[in-house]
Amino acid sequence: MASKRSEDVYGQKVDRCMYNALIKLVSGVGIGIVVSAFLFKRKPWPVILGAGLGTGMGISDCNHEFKGHVPVKPVPVEVTSETS
């Protein structure tokens, strides 16, 4: 079994993160354009809001991609039974 270099794994995560963030940004802008055109008489704020939401979702997913897969060490809990 061939092992991957850490640089390659990191590069793949960055590529996936950038692609995901770009897709979410474009989707947010697209939805903002549609909402702006049909509901708000071509006001710019739905497009800006969609871009902001798409960017925020992309950043959140990137954060999860890099930090979400770290195993958490469980804290041992001592259980005692006291009867009165």
PDB file of N, CA and C in Angstrom:
ATOM      1  N   MET A   1       0.852  -1.175   0.000  1.00  0.00           N
ATOM      2  CA  MET A   1       0.000   0.000   0.000  1.00  0.00           C
ATOM      3  C   MET A   1       0.897   1.237   0.000  1.00  0.00           C
ATOM      4  N   ALA A   2       0.686   2.109  -0.940  1.00  0.00           N
ATOM      5  CA  ALA A   2       1.501   3.310  -1.059  1.00  0.00           C
ATOM      6  C   ALA A   2       0.989   4.369  -0.081  1.00  0.00           C
ATOM      7  N   SER A   3       1.921   4.984   0.622  1.00  0.00           N
ATOM      8  CA  SER A   3       1.532   6.025   1.561  1.00  0.00           C
ATOM      9  C   SER A   3       1.581   7.383   0.864  1.00  0.00           C
ATOM     10  N   LYS A   4       0.723   8.273   1.290  1.00  0.00           N
ATOM     11  CA  LYS A   4       0.668   9.611   0.720  1.00  0.00           C
ATOM     12  C   LYS A   4       1.535  10.551   1.546  1.00  0.00           C
ATOM     13  N   ARG A   5       2.144  11.496   0.865  1.00  0.00           N
ATOM     14  CA  ARG A   5       2.906  12.513   1.578  1.00  0.00           C
ATOM     15  C   ARG A   5       1.941  13.500   2.203  1.00  0.00           C
ATOM     16  N   SER A   6       2.346  14.078   3.313  1.00  0.00           N
ATOM     17  CA  SER A   6       1.469  15.018   4.014  1.00  0.00           C
ATOM     18  C   SER A   6       1.194  16.262   3.161  1.00  0.00           C
ATOM     19  N   GLU A   7       2.160  16.643   2.317  1.00  0.00           N
ATOM     20  CA  GLU A   7       1.951  17.795   1.439  1.00  0.00           C
ATOM     21  C   GLU A   7       0.834  17.516   0.440  1.00  0.00           C
ATOM     22  N   ASP A   8       0.769  16.270  -0.048  1.00  0.00           N
ATOM     23  CA  ASP A   8      -0.276  15.912  -0.998  1.00  0.00           C
ATOM     24  C   ASP A   8      -1.649  15.909  -0.346  1.00  0.00           C
ATOM     25  N   VAL A   9      -1.722  15.387   0.860  1.00  0.00           N
ATOM     26  CA  VAL A   9      -2.996  15.359   1.591  1.00  0.00           C
ATOM     27  C   VAL A   9      -3.454  16.786   1.876  1.00  0.00           C
ATOM     28  N   TYR A  10      -2.527  17.636   2.321  1.00  0.00           N
ATOM     29  CA  TYR A  10      -2.856  19.034   2.594  1.00  0.00           C
ATOM     30  C   TYR A  10      -3.305  19.749   1.316  1.00  0.00           C
ATOM     31  N   GLY A  11      -2.620  19.507   0.221  1.00  0.00           N
ATOM     32  CA  GLY A  11      -2.976  20.110  -1.057  1.00  0.00           C
ATOM     33  C   GLY A  11      -4.357  19.684  -1.527  1.00  0.00           C
ATOM     34  N   GLN A  12      -4.691  18.412  -1.327  1.00  0.00           N
ATOM     35  CA  GLN A  12      -6.017  17.942  -1.706  1.00  0.00           C
ATOM     36  C   GLN A  12      -7.098  18.603  -0.855  1.00  0.00           C
ATOM     37  N   LYS A  13      -6.816  18.780   0.438  1.00  0.00           N
ATOM     38  CA  LYS A  13      -7.791  19.441   1.309  1.00  0.00           C
ATOM     39  C   LYS A  13      -7.981  20.896   0.901  1.00  0.00           C
ATOM     40  N   VAL A  14      -6.890  21.580   0.572  1.00  0.00           N
ATOM     41  CA  VAL A  14      -6.993  22.978   0.144  1.00  0.00           C
ATOM     42  C   VAL A  14      -7.771  23.080  -1.166  1.00  0.00           C
ATOM     43  N   ASP A  15      -7.477  22.193  -2.112  1.00  0.00           N
ATOM     44  CA  ASP A  15      -8.199  22.199  -3.384  1.00  0.00           C
ATOM     45  C   ASP A  15      -9.689  21.962  -3.185  1.00  0.00           C
ATOM     46  N   ARG A  16     -10.025  20.973  -2.362  1.00  0.00           N
ATOM     47  CA  ARG A  16     -11.425  20.664  -2.084  1.00  0.00           C
ATOM     48  C   ARG A  16     -12.106  21.844  -1.385  1.00  0.00           C
ATOM     49  N   CYS A  17     -11.383  22.479  -0.473  1.00  0.00           N
ATOM     50  CA  CYS A  17     -11.909  23.623   0.266  1.00  0.00           C
ATOM     51  C   CYS A  17     -12.186  24.802  -0.670  1.00  0.00           C
ATOM     52  N   MET A  18     -11.244  25.111  -1.547  1.00  0.00           N
ATOM     53  CA  MET A  18     -11.415  26.229  -2.469  1.00  0.00           C
ATOM     54  C   MET A  18     -12.552  25.966  -3.454  1.00  0.00           C
ATOM     55  N   TYR A  19     -12.633  24.768  -3.965  1.00  0.00           N
ATOM     56  CA  TYR A  19     -13.702  24.414  -4.898  1.00  0.00           C
ATOM     57  C   TYR A  19     -15.060  24.510  -4.218  1.00  0.00           C
ATOM     58  N   ASN A  20     -15.162  23.976  -3.011  1.00  0.00           N
ATOM     59  CA  ASN A  20     -16.411  24.009  -2.261  1.00  0.00           C
ATOM     60  C   ASN A  20     -16.818  25.451  -1.957  1.00  0.00           C
ATOM     61  N   ALA A  21     -15.869  26.280  -1.527  1.00  0.00           N
ATOM     62  CA  ALA A  21     -16.174  27.673  -1.205  1.00  0.00           C
ATOM     63  C   ALA A  21     -16.597  28.434  -2.459  1.00  0.00           C
ATOM     64  N   LEU A  22     -15.960  28.177  -3.594  1.00  0.00           N
ATOM     65  CA  LEU A  22     -16.325  28.847  -4.833  1.00  0.00           C
ATOM     66  C   LEU A  22     -17.740  28.454  -5.268  1.00  0.00           C
ATOM     67  N   ILE A  23     -18.057  27.174  -5.174  1.00  0.00           N
ATOM     68  CA  ILE A  23     -19.395  26.714  -5.542  1.00  0.00           C
ATOM     69  C   ILE A  23     -20.458  27.361  -4.643  1.00  0.00           C
ATOM     70  N   LYS A  24     -20.192  27.439  -3.356  1.00  0.00           N
ATOM     71  CA  LYS A  24     -21.162  28.039  -2.434  1.00  0.00           C
ATOM     72  C   LYS A  24     -21.297  29.544  -2.677  1.00  0.00           C
ATOM     73  N   LEU A  25     -20.206  30.218  -2.983  1.00  0.00           N
ATOM     74  CA  LEU A  25     -20.262  31.651  -3.273  1.00  0.00           C
ATOM     75  C   LEU A  25     -21.079  31.912  -4.533  1.00  0.00           C
ATOM     76  N   VAL A  26     -20.809  31.170  -5.589  1.00  0.00           N
ATOM     77  CA  VAL A  26     -21.539  31.356  -6.849  1.00  0.00           C
ATOM     78  C   VAL A  26     -23.013  31.006  -6.672  1.00  0.00           C
ATOM     79  N   SER A  27     -23.297  29.953  -5.917  1.00  0.00           N
ATOM     80  CA  SER A  27     -24.692  29.580  -5.665  1.00  0.00           C
ATOM     81  C   SER A  27     -25.417  30.669  -4.876  1.00  0.00           C
ATOM     82  N   GLY A  28     -24.759  31.218  -3.867  1.00  0.00           N
ATOM     83  CA  GLY A  28     -25.367  32.293  -3.077  1.00  0.00           C
ATOM     84  C   GLY A  28     -25.642  33.528  -3.905  1.00  0.00           C
ATOM     85  N   VAL A  29     -24.693  33.890  -4.771  1.00  0.00           N
ATOM     86  CA  VAL A  29     -24.897  35.047  -5.639  1.00  0.00           C
ATOM     87  C   VAL A  29     -26.033  34.765  -6.626  1.00  0.00           C
ATOM     88  N   GLY A  30     -26.070  33.558  -7.176  1.00  0.00           N
ATOM     89  CA  GLY A  30     -27.136  33.202  -8.113  1.00  0.00           C
ATOM     90  C   GLY A  30     -28.504  33.257  -7.480  1.00  0.00           C
ATOM     91  N   ILE A  31     -28.632  32.702  -6.296  1.00  0.00           N
ATOM     92  CA  ILE A  31     -29.914  32.750  -5.585  1.00  0.00           C
ATOM     93  C   ILE A  31     -30.265  34.192  -5.244  1.00  0.00           C
ATOM     94  N   GLY A  32     -29.269  34.990  -4.866  1.00  0.00           N
ATOM     95  CA  GLY A  32     -29.511  36.406  -4.584  1.00  0.00           C
ATOM     96  C   GLY A  32     -29.997  37.163  -5.798  1.00  0.00           C
ATOM     97  N   ILE A  33     -29.438  36.858  -6.973  1.00  0.00           N
ATOM     98  CA  ILE A  33     -29.880  37.515  -8.207  1.00  0.00           C
ATOM     99  C   ILE A  33     -31.333  37.155  -8.514  1.00  0.00           C
ATOM    100  N   VAL A  34     -31.671  35.888  -8.374  1.00  0.00           N
ATOM    101  CA  VAL A  34     -33.041  35.450  -8.653  1.00  0.00           C
ATOM    102  C   VAL A  34     -34.021  36.101  -7.676  1.00  0.00           C
ATOM    103  N   VAL A  35     -33.690  36.094  -6.405  1.00  0.00           N
ATOM    104  CA  VAL A  35     -34.573  36.703  -5.405  1.00  0.00           C
ATOM    105  C   VAL A  35     -34.687  38.201  -5.643  1.00  0.00           C
ATOM    106  N   SER A  36     -33.574  38.840  -5.961  1.00  0.00           N
ATOM    107  CA  SER A  36     -33.586  40.274  -6.218  1.00  0.00           C
ATOM    108  C   SER A  36     -34.447  40.613  -7.429  1.00  0.00           C
ATOM    109  N   ALA A  37     -34.337  39.834  -8.481  1.00  0.00           N
ATOM    110  CA  ALA A  37     -35.071  40.129  -9.714  1.00  0.00           C
ATOM    111  C   ALA A  37     -36.573  39.899  -9.560  1.00  0.00           C
ATOM    112  N   PHE A  38     -36.955  38.853  -8.845  1.00  0.00           N
ATOM    113  CA  PHE A  38     -38.372  38.502  -8.794  1.00  0.00           C
ATOM    114  C   PHE A  38     -39.122  39.048  -7.586  1.00  0.00           C
ATOM    115  N   LEU A  39     -38.445  39.255  -6.479  1.00  0.00           N
ATOM    116  CA  LEU A  39     -39.166  39.659  -5.276  1.00  0.00           C
ATOM    117  C   LEU A  39     -38.915  41.101  -4.828  1.00  0.00           C
ATOM    118  N   PHE A  40     -37.726  41.627  -5.069  1.00  0.00           N
ATOM    119  CA  PHE A  40     -37.372  42.914  -4.483  1.00  0.00           C
ATOM    120  C   PHE A  40     -37.056  43.999  -5.508  1.00  0.00           C
ATOM    121  N   LYS A  41     -37.570  43.867  -6.713  1.00  0.00           N
ATOM    122  CA  LYS A  41     -37.449  44.889  -7.753  1.00  0.00           C
ATOM    123  C   LYS A  41     -36.004  45.339  -7.974  1.00  0.00           C
ATOM    124  N   ARG A  42     -35.131  44.367  -8.123  1.00  0.00           N
ATOM    125  CA  ARG A  42     -33.713  44.580  -8.462  1.00  0.00           C
ATOM    126  C   ARG A  42     -32.939  45.393  -7.432  1.00  0.00           C
ATOM    127  N   LYS A  43     -33.179  45.151  -6.203  1.00  0.00           N
ATOM    128  CA  LYS A  43     -32.383  45.754  -5.130  1.00  0.00           C
ATOM    129  C   LYS A  43     -31.084  44.956  -4.989  1.00  0.00           C
ATOM    130  N   PRO A  44     -29.983  45.591  -4.606  1.00  0.00           N
ATOM    131  CA  PRO A  44     -28.706  44.868  -4.537  1.00  0.00           C
ATOM    132  C   PRO A  44     -28.499  44.040  -3.268  1.00  0.00           C
ATOM    133  N   TRP A  45     -29.247  44.303  -2.218  1.00  0.00           N
ATOM    134  CA  TRP A  45     -28.936  43.633  -0.961  1.00  0.00           C
ATOM    135  C   TRP A  45     -29.155  42.120  -0.971  1.00  0.00           C
ATOM    136  N   PRO A  46     -30.104  41.537  -1.720  1.00  0.00           N
ATOM    137  CA  PRO A  46     -30.183  40.071  -1.723  1.00  0.00           C
ATOM    138  C   PRO A  46     -28.953  39.410  -2.355  1.00  0.00           C
ATOM    139  N   VAL A  47     -28.357  40.075  -3.338  1.00  0.00           N
ATOM    140  CA  VAL A  47     -27.148  39.530  -3.958  1.00  0.00           C
ATOM    141  C   VAL A  47     -25.988  39.579  -2.968  1.00  0.00           C
ATOM    142  N   ILE A  48     -25.863  40.689  -2.255  1.00  0.00           N
ATOM    143  CA  ILE A  48     -24.795  40.828  -1.255  1.00  0.00           C
ATOM    144  C   ILE A  48     -25.005  39.839  -0.113  1.00  0.00           C
ATOM    145  N   LEU A  49     -26.244  39.690   0.321  1.00  0.00           N
ATOM    146  CA  LEU A  49     -26.552  38.728   1.387  1.00  0.00           C
ATOM    147  C   LEU A  49     -26.246  37.304   0.942  1.00  0.00           C
ATOM    148  N   GLY A  50     -26.628  36.960  -0.280  1.00  0.00           N
ATOM    149  CA  GLY A  50     -26.328  35.622  -0.803  1.00  0.00           C
ATOM    150  C   GLY A  50     -24.840  35.367  -0.903  1.00  0.00           C
ATOM    151  N   ALA A  51     -24.081  36.376  -1.340  1.00  0.00           N
ATOM    152  CA  ALA A  51     -22.628  36.227  -1.416  1.00  0.00           C
ATOM    153  C   ALA A  51     -22.028  36.043  -0.024  1.00  0.00           C
ATOM    154  N   GLY A  52     -22.531  36.795   0.930  1.00  0.00           N
ATOM    155  CA  GLY A  52     -22.026  36.669   2.307  1.00  0.00           C
ATOM    156  C   GLY A  52     -22.349  35.323   2.926  1.00  0.00           C
ATOM    157  N   LEU A  53     -23.573  34.849   2.698  1.00  0.00           N
ATOM    158  CA  LEU A  53     -23.949  33.545   3.234  1.00  0.00           C
ATOM    159  C   LEU A  53     -23.149  32.425   2.569  1.00  0.00           C
ATOM    160  N   GLY A  54     -22.963  32.511   1.262  1.00  0.00           N
ATOM    161  CA  GLY A  54     -22.165  31.503   0.560  1.00  0.00           C
ATOM    162  C   GLY A  54     -20.729  31.486   1.029  1.00  0.00           C
ATOM    163  N   THR A  55     -20.147  32.673   1.213  1.00  0.00           N
ATOM    164  CA  THR A  55     -18.771  32.758   1.699  1.00  0.00           C
ATOM    165  C   THR A  55     -18.662  32.198   3.115  1.00  0.00           C
ATOM    166  N   GLY A  56     -19.613  32.548   3.965  1.00  0.00           N
ATOM    167  CA  GLY A  56     -19.593  32.043   5.347  1.00  0.00           C
ATOM    168  C   GLY A  56     -19.726  30.535   5.416  1.00  0.00           C
ATOM    169  N   MET A  57     -20.592  29.976   4.576  1.00  0.00           N
ATOM    170  CA  MET A  57     -20.743  28.521   4.551  1.00  0.00           C
ATOM    171  C   MET A  57     -19.470  27.858   4.036  1.00  0.00           C
ATOM    172  N   GLY A  58     -18.830  28.471   3.041  1.00  0.00           N
ATOM    173  CA  GLY A  58     -17.574  27.929   2.524  1.00  0.00           C
ATOM    174  C   GLY A  58     -16.477  27.943   3.565  1.00  0.00           C
ATOM    175  N   ILE A  59     -16.371  29.036   4.307  1.00  0.00           N
ATOM    176  CA  ILE A  59     -15.361  29.134   5.365  1.00  0.00           C
ATOM    177  C   ILE A  59     -15.642  28.128   6.469  1.00  0.00           C
ATOM    178  N   SER A  60     -16.908  27.979   6.830  1.00  0.00           N
ATOM    179  CA  SER A  60     -17.272  27.015   7.865  1.00  0.00           C
ATOM    180  C   SER A  60     -16.926  25.584   7.444  1.00  0.00           C
ATOM    181  N   ASP A  61     -17.215  25.253   6.191  1.00  0.00           N
ATOM    182  CA  ASP A  61     -16.872  23.919   5.703  1.00  0.00           C
ATOM    183  C   ASP A  61     -15.361  23.706   5.657  1.00  0.00           C
ATOM    184  N   CYS A  62     -14.615  24.757   5.302  1.00  0.00           N
ATOM    185  CA  CYS A  62     -13.145  24.650   5.301  1.00  0.00           C
ATOM    186  C   CYS A  62     -12.625  24.426   6.715  1.00  0.00           C
ATOM    187  N   ASN A  63     -13.199  25.144   7.649  1.00  0.00           N
ATOM    188  CA  ASN A  63     -12.792  24.969   9.044  1.00  0.00           C
ATOM    189  C   ASN A  63     -13.067  23.543   9.494  1.00  0.00           C
ATOM    190  N   HIS A  64     -14.218  23.007   9.129  1.00  0.00           N
ATOM    191  CA  HIS A  64     -14.543  21.626   9.491  1.00  0.00           C
ATOM    192  C   HIS A  64     -13.605  20.643   8.780  1.00  0.00           C
ATOM    193  N   GLU A  65     -13.256  20.953   7.548  1.00  0.00           N
ATOM    194  CA  GLU A  65     -12.362  20.073   6.784  1.00  0.00           C
ATOM    195  C   GLU A  65     -11.001  19.949   7.459  1.00  0.00           C
ATOM    196  N   PHE A  66     -10.486  21.054   7.982  1.00  0.00           N
ATOM    197  CA  PHE A  66      -9.153  21.030   8.575  1.00  0.00           C
ATOM    198  C   PHE A  66      -9.149  20.686  10.057  1.00  0.00           C
ATOM    199  N   LYS A  67     -10.208  21.016  10.777  1.00  0.00           N
ATOM    200  CA  LYS A  67     -10.201  20.794  12.228  1.00  0.00           C
ATOM    201  C   LYS A  67     -11.216  19.774  12.709  1.00  0.00           C
ATOM    202  N   GLY A  68     -12.146  19.373  11.873  1.00  0.00           N
ATOM    203  CA  GLY A  68     -13.250  18.536  12.317  1.00  0.00           C
ATOM    204  C   GLY A  68     -12.921  17.069  12.462  1.00  0.00           C
ATOM    205  N   HIS A  69     -11.837  16.603  11.860  1.00  0.00           N
ATOM    206  CA  HIS A  69     -11.538  15.185  11.872  1.00  0.00           C
ATOM    207  C   HIS A  69     -10.496  14.809  12.913  1.00  0.00           C
ATOM    208  N   VAL A  70     -10.219  15.704  13.837  1.00  0.00           N
ATOM    209  CA  VAL A  70      -9.260  15.418  14.894  1.00  0.00           C
ATOM    210  C   VAL A  70      -9.968  14.613  15.973  1.00  0.00           C
ATOM    211  N   PRO A  71      -9.466  13.427  16.289  1.00  0.00           N
ATOM    212  CA  PRO A  71     -10.133  12.638  17.332  1.00  0.00           C
ATOM    213  C   PRO A  71     -10.001  13.310  18.694  1.00  0.00           C
ATOM    214  N   VAL A  72     -11.066  13.279  19.427  1.00  0.00           N
ATOM    215  CA  VAL A  72     -11.093  13.881  20.752  1.00  0.00           C
ATOM    216  C   VAL A  72     -10.826  12.800  21.782  1.00  0.00           C
ATOM    217  N   LYS A  73      -9.887  13.073  22.675  1.00  0.00           N
ATOM    218  CA  LYS A  73      -9.563  12.117  23.726  1.00  0.00           C
ATOM    219  C   LYS A  73     -10.655  12.187  24.801  1.00  0.00           C
ATOM    220  N   PRO A  74     -11.308  11.066  25.085  1.00  0.00           N
ATOM    221  CA  PRO A  74     -12.367  11.098  26.102  1.00  0.00           C
ATOM    222  C   PRO A  74     -11.793  11.281  27.505  1.00  0.00           C
ATOM    223  N   VAL A  75     -12.526  12.000  28.312  1.00  0.00           N
ATOM    224  CA  VAL A  75     -12.128  12.239  29.690  1.00  0.00           C
ATOM    225  C   VAL A  75     -12.713  11.124  30.546  1.00  0.00           C
ATOM    226  N   PRO A  76     -11.865  10.417  31.287  1.00  0.00           N
ATOM    227  CA  PRO A  76     -12.411   9.338  32.126  1.00  0.00           C
ATOM    228  C   PRO A  76     -13.256   9.906  33.271  1.00  0.00           C
ATOM    229  N   VAL A  77     -14.368   9.260  33.509  1.00  0.00           N
ATOM    230  CA  VAL A  77     -15.277   9.681  34.573  1.00  0.00           C
ATOM    231  C   VAL A  77     -15.351   8.557  35.588  1.00  0.00           C
ATOM    232  N   GLU A  78     -15.150   8.915  36.833  1.00  0.00           N
ATOM    233  CA  GLU A  78     -15.197   7.918  37.901  1.00  0.00           C
ATOM    234  C   GLU A  78     -16.634   7.846  38.436  1.00  0.00           C
ATOM    235  N   VAL A  79     -17.195   6.662  38.425  1.00  0.00           N
ATOM    236  CA  VAL A  79     -18.559   6.471  38.898  1.00  0.00           C
ATOM    237  C   VAL A  79     -18.500   5.782  40.251  1.00  0.00           C
ATOM    238  N   THR A  80     -19.144   6.409  41.201  1.00  0.00           N
ATOM    239  CA  THR A  80     -19.212   5.817  42.538  1.00  0.00           C
ATOM    240  C   THR A  80     -20.670   5.674  42.922  1.00  0.00           C
ATOM    241  N   SER A  81     -20.972   4.629  43.607  1.00  0.00           N
ATOM    242  CA  SER A  81     -22.348   4.447  44.067  1.00  0.00           C
ATOM    243  C   SER A  81     -22.383   4.604  45.580  1.00  0.00           C
ATOM    244  N   GLU A  82     -23.163   5.569  45.971  1.00  0.00           N
ATOM    245  CA  GLU A  82     -23.324   5.803  47.405  1.00  0.00           C
ATOM    246  C   GLU A  82     -24.754   5.482  47.777  1.00  0.00           C
ATOM    247  N   THR A  83     -24.919   4.614  48.746  1.00  0.00           N
ATOM    248  CA  THR A  83     -26.246   4.274  49.217  1.00  0.00           C
ATOM    249  C   THR A  83     -26.411   4.767  50.640  1.00  0.00           C
ATOM    250  N   SER A  84     -27.543   5.344  50.905  1.00  0.00           N
ATOM    251  CA  SER A  84     -27.772   5.876  52.257  1.00  0.00           C
ATOM    252  C   SER A  84     -28.747   5.006  53.003  1.00  0.00           C
TER     253      SER A  84
END
